[in-house]
Amino acid sequence: MIAYLFAGLIGLTALCYALAQAIRRIKETEQTIAKGEARRQAQVDRIRRAGRACLALSRELRDAKRRRNAQEIACEDLEERLRASNAVDRRLYVLDDRRTQNDLGWIVRVANPDYGQRVNANLEKSALESWKRGRRFLVWALDEKKAREKVTARFHDHKGFAITGVTRQAE
């Protein structure tokens, strides 16, 4: 009987030891799971922060692209206006600088579409174009009639010159 009792005690001791080991393993597993959950939560938080930062950066990028496109359109518009203003010949030639105190300034536009054939065939293309469009001359005269006479004396009709406009120079 003592042998049974001793065997029962050994069995009970082994059972207690096994239960203690199992409880210890369960606690270790719970701690490992808790650590894993904490790491997972920390990773989720990092991913969320990175996602918010990525979203903010993508919005910034979209806004920057929108601003860049608007600036490119504005630059193209400005370049187009610049090309248009450069296309207009703004030069003002002085026909004659002799004047009296009573003379007024007149802007006379003189054109010659056949300048290359009638006057000078060796002229540059841009100069021929300026004669086709008409060149502006500053003429000092008492009135419009005298201004026309001065221009006609210098640029004859038989060579293809024509006065296309006369305006008084702004003071």
C-alpha atoms as a PDB file:
ATOM      1  CA  MET A   1       0.000   0.000   0.000  1.00  0.00           C
ATOM      2  CA  ILE A   2       2.789   2.311   0.712  1.00  0.00           C
ATOM      3  CA  ALA A   3       4.030   1.519  -2.708  1.00  0.00           C
ATOM      4  CA  TYR A   4       0.681   2.608  -4.118  1.00  0.00           C
ATOM      5  CA  LEU A   5       0.737   5.686  -2.043  1.00  0.00           C
ATOM      6  CA  PHE A   6       4.306   6.414  -3.049  1.00  0.00           C
ATOM      7  CA  ALA A   7       3.405   5.781  -6.704  1.00  0.00           C
ATOM      8  CA  GLY A   8       0.352   8.073  -6.313  1.00  0.00           C
ATOM      9  CA  LEU A   9       2.570  10.749  -4.768  1.00  0.00           C
ATOM     10  CA  ILE A  10       5.061  10.455  -7.599  1.00  0.00           C
ATOM     11  CA  GLY A  11       2.201  10.615 -10.103  1.00  0.00           C
ATOM     12  CA  LEU A  12       0.691  13.609  -8.322  1.00  0.00           C
ATOM     13  CA  THR A  13       4.095  15.316  -8.219  1.00  0.00           C
ATOM     14  CA  ALA A  14       4.615  14.632 -11.921  1.00  0.00           C
ATOM     15  CA  LEU A  15       1.127  15.939 -12.633  1.00  0.00           C
ATOM     16  CA  CYS A  16       1.756  19.112 -10.622  1.00  0.00           C
ATOM     17  CA  TYR A  17       5.099  19.567 -12.321  1.00  0.00           C
ATOM     18  CA  ALA A  18       3.493  19.078 -15.757  1.00  0.00           C
ATOM     19  CA  LEU A  19       0.706  21.520 -14.859  1.00  0.00           C
ATOM     20  CA  ALA A  20       3.265  24.090 -13.652  1.00  0.00           C
ATOM     21  CA  GLN A  21       5.201  23.641 -16.905  1.00  0.00           C
ATOM     22  CA  ALA A  22       1.994  23.992 -18.938  1.00  0.00           C
ATOM     23  CA  ILE A  23       0.960  27.140 -17.030  1.00  0.00           C
ATOM     24  CA  ARG A  24       4.462  28.586 -17.515  1.00  0.00           C
ATOM     25  CA  ARG A  25       4.298  27.848 -21.262  1.00  0.00           C
ATOM     26  CA  ILE A  26       0.814  29.363 -21.452  1.00  0.00           C
ATOM     27  CA  LYS A  27       2.070  32.541 -19.729  1.00  0.00           C
ATOM     28  CA  GLU A  28       5.095  32.676 -22.059  1.00  0.00           C
ATOM     29  CA  THR A  29       2.786  32.196 -25.028  1.00  0.00           C
ATOM     30  CA  GLU A  30       0.450  34.920 -23.718  1.00  0.00           C
ATOM     31  CA  GLN A  31       3.437  37.269 -23.291  1.00  0.00           C
ATOM     32  CA  THR A  32       4.667  36.421 -26.806  1.00  0.00           C
ATOM     33  CA  ILE A  33       1.170  37.037 -28.172  1.00  0.00           C
ATOM     34  CA  ALA A  34       0.942  40.327 -26.233  1.00  0.00           C
ATOM     35  CA  LYS A  35       4.363  41.394 -27.558  1.00  0.00           C
ATOM     36  CA  GLY A  36       3.313  40.387 -31.086  1.00  0.00           C
ATOM     37  CA  GLU A  37       0.053  42.335 -30.702  1.00  0.00           C
ATOM     38  CA  ALA A  38       1.982  45.373 -29.430  1.00  0.00           C
ATOM     39  CA  ARG A  39       4.398  45.111 -32.395  1.00  0.00           C
ATOM     40  CA  ARG A  40       1.452  44.686 -34.782  1.00  0.00           C
ATOM     41  CA  GLN A  41      -0.287  47.739 -33.296  1.00  0.00           C
ATOM     42  CA  ALA A  42       2.929  49.756 -33.505  1.00  0.00           C
ATOM     43  CA  GLN A  43       3.307  48.653 -37.143  1.00  0.00           C
ATOM     44  CA  VAL A  44      -0.307  49.623 -37.867  1.00  0.00           C
ATOM     45  CA  ASP A  45       0.336  53.043 -36.320  1.00  0.00           C
ATOM     46  CA  ARG A  46       3.502  53.486 -38.427  1.00  0.00           C
ATOM     47  CA  ILE A  47       1.621  52.444 -41.559  1.00  0.00           C
ATOM     48  CA  ARG A  48      -1.200  54.891 -40.761  1.00  0.00           C
ATOM     49  CA  ARG A  49       1.290  57.734 -40.190  1.00  0.00           C
ATOM     50  CA  ALA A  50       3.076  56.844 -43.407  1.00  0.00           C
ATOM     51  CA  GLY A  51      -0.263  56.672 -45.224  1.00  0.00           C
ATOM     52  CA  ARG A  52      -1.287  60.126 -43.915  1.00  0.00           C
ATOM     53  CA  ALA A  53       2.110  61.517 -44.881  1.00  0.00           C
ATOM     54  CA  CYS A  54       1.834  59.907 -48.319  1.00  0.00           C
ATOM     55  CA  LEU A  55      -1.663  61.331 -48.769  1.00  0.00           C
ATOM     56  CA  ALA A  56      -0.464  64.786 -47.724  1.00  0.00           C
ATOM     57  CA  LEU A  57       2.495  64.543 -50.097  1.00  0.00           C
ATOM     58  CA  SER A  58       0.296  63.372 -52.960  1.00  0.00           C
ATOM     59  CA  ARG A  59      -2.035  66.327 -52.347  1.00  0.00           C
ATOM     60  CA  GLU A  60       0.979  68.667 -52.270  1.00  0.00           C
ATOM     61  CA  LEU A  61       2.265  67.108 -55.473  1.00  0.00           C
ATOM     62  CA  ARG A  62      -1.126  67.486 -57.148  1.00  0.00           C
ATOM     63  CA  ASP A  63      -1.313  71.138 -56.060  1.00  0.00           C
ATOM     64  CA  ALA A  64       2.272  71.745 -57.228  1.00  0.00           C
ATOM     65  CA  LYS A  65       1.461  70.194 -60.617  1.00  0.00           C
ATOM     66  CA  ARG A  66      -1.650  72.341 -60.855  1.00  0.00           C
ATOM     67  CA  ARG A  67       0.409  75.462 -60.034  1.00  0.00           C
ATOM     68  CA  ARG A  68       3.102  74.409 -62.505  1.00  0.00           C
ATOM     69  CA  ASN A  69       0.510  73.897 -65.245  1.00  0.00           C
ATOM     70  CA  ALA A  70      -1.029  77.286 -64.503  1.00  0.00           C
ATOM     71  CA  GLN A  71       2.411  78.894 -64.626  1.00  0.00           C
ATOM     72  CA  GLU A  72       3.249  77.118 -67.885  1.00  0.00           C
ATOM     73  CA  ILE A  73      -0.008  78.375 -69.403  1.00  0.00           C
ATOM     74  CA  ALA A  74       0.762  81.883 -68.144  1.00  0.00           C
ATOM     75  CA  CYS A  75       4.291  81.648 -69.581  1.00  0.00           C
ATOM     76  CA  GLU A  76       2.957  80.437 -72.925  1.00  0.00           C
ATOM     77  CA  ASP A  77       0.467  83.293 -72.949  1.00  0.00           C
ATOM     78  CA  LEU A  78       3.206  85.767 -72.086  1.00  0.00           C
ATOM     79  CA  GLU A  79       5.509  84.330 -74.744  1.00  0.00           C
ATOM     80  CA  GLU A  80       2.693  84.541 -77.300  1.00  0.00           C
ATOM     81  CA  ARG A  81       2.054  88.165 -76.377  1.00  0.00           C
ATOM     82  CA  LEU A  82       5.786  88.844 -76.566  1.00  0.00           C
ATOM     83  CA  ARG A  83       5.990  87.236 -80.012  1.00  0.00           C
ATOM     84  CA  ALA A  84       2.982  89.282 -81.116  1.00  0.00           C
ATOM     85  CA  SER A  85       4.508  92.508 -79.837  1.00  0.00           C
ATOM     86  CA  ASN A  86       7.823  91.675 -81.503  1.00  0.00           C
ATOM     87  CA  ALA A  87       6.032  90.954 -84.761  1.00  0.00           C
ATOM     88  CA  VAL A  88       4.787  94.528 -84.890  1.00  0.00           C
ATOM     89  CA  ASP A  89       7.418  96.862 -86.237  1.00  0.00           C
ATOM     90  CA  ARG A  90       7.507  99.728 -83.767  1.00  0.00           C
ATOM     91  CA  ARG A  91      10.335 101.583 -85.417  1.00  0.00           C
ATOM     92  CA  LEU A  92       9.811 105.199 -86.319  1.00  0.00           C
ATOM     93  CA  TYR A  93      12.056 106.541 -89.064  1.00  0.00           C
ATOM     94  CA  VAL A  94      12.819 110.266 -89.226  1.00  0.00           C
ATOM     95  CA  LEU A  95      12.285 111.553 -92.742  1.00  0.00           C
ATOM     96  CA  ASP A  96      13.898 114.925 -92.168  1.00  0.00           C
ATOM     97  CA  ASP A  97      15.049 116.558 -88.968  1.00  0.00           C
ATOM     98  CA  ARG A  98      14.801 120.100 -90.342  1.00  0.00           C
ATOM     99  CA  ARG A  99      11.905 121.932 -88.763  1.00  0.00           C
ATOM    100  CA  THR A 100      10.642 125.342 -87.817  1.00  0.00           C
ATOM    101  CA  GLN A 101       9.099 126.384 -84.550  1.00  0.00           C
ATOM    102  CA  ASN A 102       5.596 126.183 -86.064  1.00  0.00           C
ATOM    103  CA  ASP A 103       6.027 122.693 -87.565  1.00  0.00           C
ATOM    104  CA  LEU A 104       4.051 119.838 -86.117  1.00  0.00           C
ATOM    105  CA  GLY A 105       5.083 116.203 -85.958  1.00  0.00           C
ATOM    106  CA  TRP A 106       3.245 113.861 -88.314  1.00  0.00           C
ATOM    107  CA  ILE A 107       3.496 110.080 -88.433  1.00  0.00           C
ATOM    108  CA  VAL A 108       3.191 108.989 -92.061  1.00  0.00           C
ATOM    109  CA  ARG A 109       2.955 105.294 -92.948  1.00  0.00           C
ATOM    110  CA  VAL A 110       4.481 104.494 -96.333  1.00  0.00           C
ATOM    111  CA  ALA A 111       4.138 101.068 -97.961  1.00  0.00           C
ATOM    112  CA  ASN A 112       5.604  99.508-101.079  1.00  0.00           C
ATOM    113  CA  PRO A 113       4.568  95.911-101.770  1.00  0.00           C
ATOM    114  CA  ASP A 114       6.848  95.756-104.850  1.00  0.00           C
ATOM    115  CA  TYR A 115       9.953  97.223-103.196  1.00  0.00           C
ATOM    116  CA  GLY A 116      12.101  94.252-104.175  1.00  0.00           C
ATOM    117  CA  GLN A 117      11.192  94.527-107.877  1.00  0.00           C
ATOM    118  CA  ARG A 118      11.029  98.289-108.298  1.00  0.00           C
ATOM    119  CA  VAL A 119      13.692  99.646-105.920  1.00  0.00           C
ATOM    120  CA  ASN A 120      16.168  97.128-104.452  1.00  0.00           C
ATOM    121  CA  ALA A 121      16.068  93.386-105.079  1.00  0.00           C
ATOM    122  CA  ASN A 122      19.067  92.697-102.790  1.00  0.00           C
ATOM    123  CA  LEU A 123      17.277  93.749 -99.617  1.00  0.00           C
ATOM    124  CA  GLU A 124      16.823  91.307 -96.728  1.00  0.00           C
ATOM    125  CA  LYS A 125      13.522  89.494 -96.438  1.00  0.00           C
ATOM    126  CA  SER A 126      12.639  91.198 -93.132  1.00  0.00           C
ATOM    127  CA  ALA A 127      13.220  94.633 -94.672  1.00  0.00           C
ATOM    128  CA  LEU A 128      11.063  93.715 -97.689  1.00  0.00           C
ATOM    129  CA  GLU A 129       8.342  92.589 -95.291  1.00  0.00           C
ATOM    130  CA  SER A 130       8.543  95.897 -93.409  1.00  0.00           C
ATOM    131  CA  TRP A 131       8.015  97.763 -96.700  1.00  0.00           C
ATOM    132  CA  LYS A 132       5.042  95.531 -97.529  1.00  0.00           C
ATOM    133  CA  ARG A 133       3.428  96.212 -94.138  1.00  0.00           C
ATOM    134  CA  GLY A 134       4.433  99.847 -94.270  1.00  0.00           C
ATOM    135  CA  ARG A 135       7.097 101.851 -92.498  1.00  0.00           C
ATOM    136  CA  ARG A 136       6.335 104.766 -90.194  1.00  0.00           C
ATOM    137  CA  PHE A 137       8.123 108.054 -90.749  1.00  0.00           C
ATOM    138  CA  LEU A 138       8.232 111.133 -88.554  1.00  0.00           C
ATOM    139  CA  VAL A 139       7.698 114.201 -90.742  1.00  0.00           C
ATOM    140  CA  TRP A 140       7.868 117.812 -89.557  1.00  0.00           C
ATOM    141  CA  ALA A 141       5.372 120.024 -91.418  1.00  0.00           C
ATOM    142  CA  LEU A 142       2.815 122.768 -90.852  1.00  0.00           C
ATOM    143  CA  ASP A 143      -0.132 120.583 -91.827  1.00  0.00           C
ATOM    144  CA  GLU A 144      -1.044 117.177 -93.190  1.00  0.00           C
ATOM    145  CA  LYS A 145      -0.892 118.319 -96.821  1.00  0.00           C
ATOM    146  CA  LYS A 146       2.689 119.580 -96.404  1.00  0.00           C
ATOM    147  CA  ALA A 147       3.643 116.325 -94.650  1.00  0.00           C
ATOM    148  CA  ARG A 148       2.253 114.323 -97.581  1.00  0.00           C
ATOM    149  CA  GLU A 149       4.150 116.529-100.032  1.00  0.00           C
ATOM    150  CA  LYS A 150       7.453 115.957 -98.190  1.00  0.00           C
ATOM    151  CA  VAL A 151       6.941 112.190 -98.196  1.00  0.00           C
ATOM    152  CA  THR A 152       5.856 112.109-101.848  1.00  0.00           C
ATOM    153  CA  ALA A 153       8.955 114.127-102.805  1.00  0.00           C
ATOM    154  CA  ARG A 154      11.158 111.478-101.175  1.00  0.00           C
ATOM    155  CA  PHE A 155       9.174 108.305-102.033  1.00  0.00           C
ATOM    156  CA  HIS A 156       7.789 108.597-105.553  1.00  0.00           C
ATOM    157  CA  ASP A 157       4.561 106.993-106.739  1.00  0.00           C
ATOM    158  CA  HIS A 158       6.169 105.635-109.918  1.00  0.00           C
ATOM    159  CA  LYS A 159       8.454 103.435-107.763  1.00  0.00           C
ATOM    160  CA  GLY A 160       5.432 101.877-106.045  1.00  0.00           C
ATOM    161  CA  PHE A 161       5.387 103.875-102.801  1.00  0.00           C
ATOM    162  CA  ALA A 162       2.000 104.687-101.344  1.00  0.00           C
ATOM    163  CA  ILE A 163       0.985 106.646 -98.267  1.00  0.00           C
ATOM    164  CA  THR A 164      -1.345 104.421 -96.247  1.00  0.00           C
ATOM    165  CA  GLY A 165      -1.951 106.719 -93.292  1.00  0.00           C
ATOM    166  CA  VAL A 166      -1.146 110.059 -91.729  1.00  0.00           C
ATOM    167  CA  THR A 167      -1.642 110.869 -88.050  1.00  0.00           C
ATOM    168  CA  ARG A 168      -0.582 113.720 -85.867  1.00  0.00           C
ATOM    169  CA  GLN A 169       2.210 112.878 -83.436  1.00  0.00           C
ATOM    170  CA  ALA A 170       1.128 112.923 -79.829  1.00  0.00           C
ATOM    171  CA  GLU A 171       2.826 115.667 -77.856  1.00  0.00           C
END
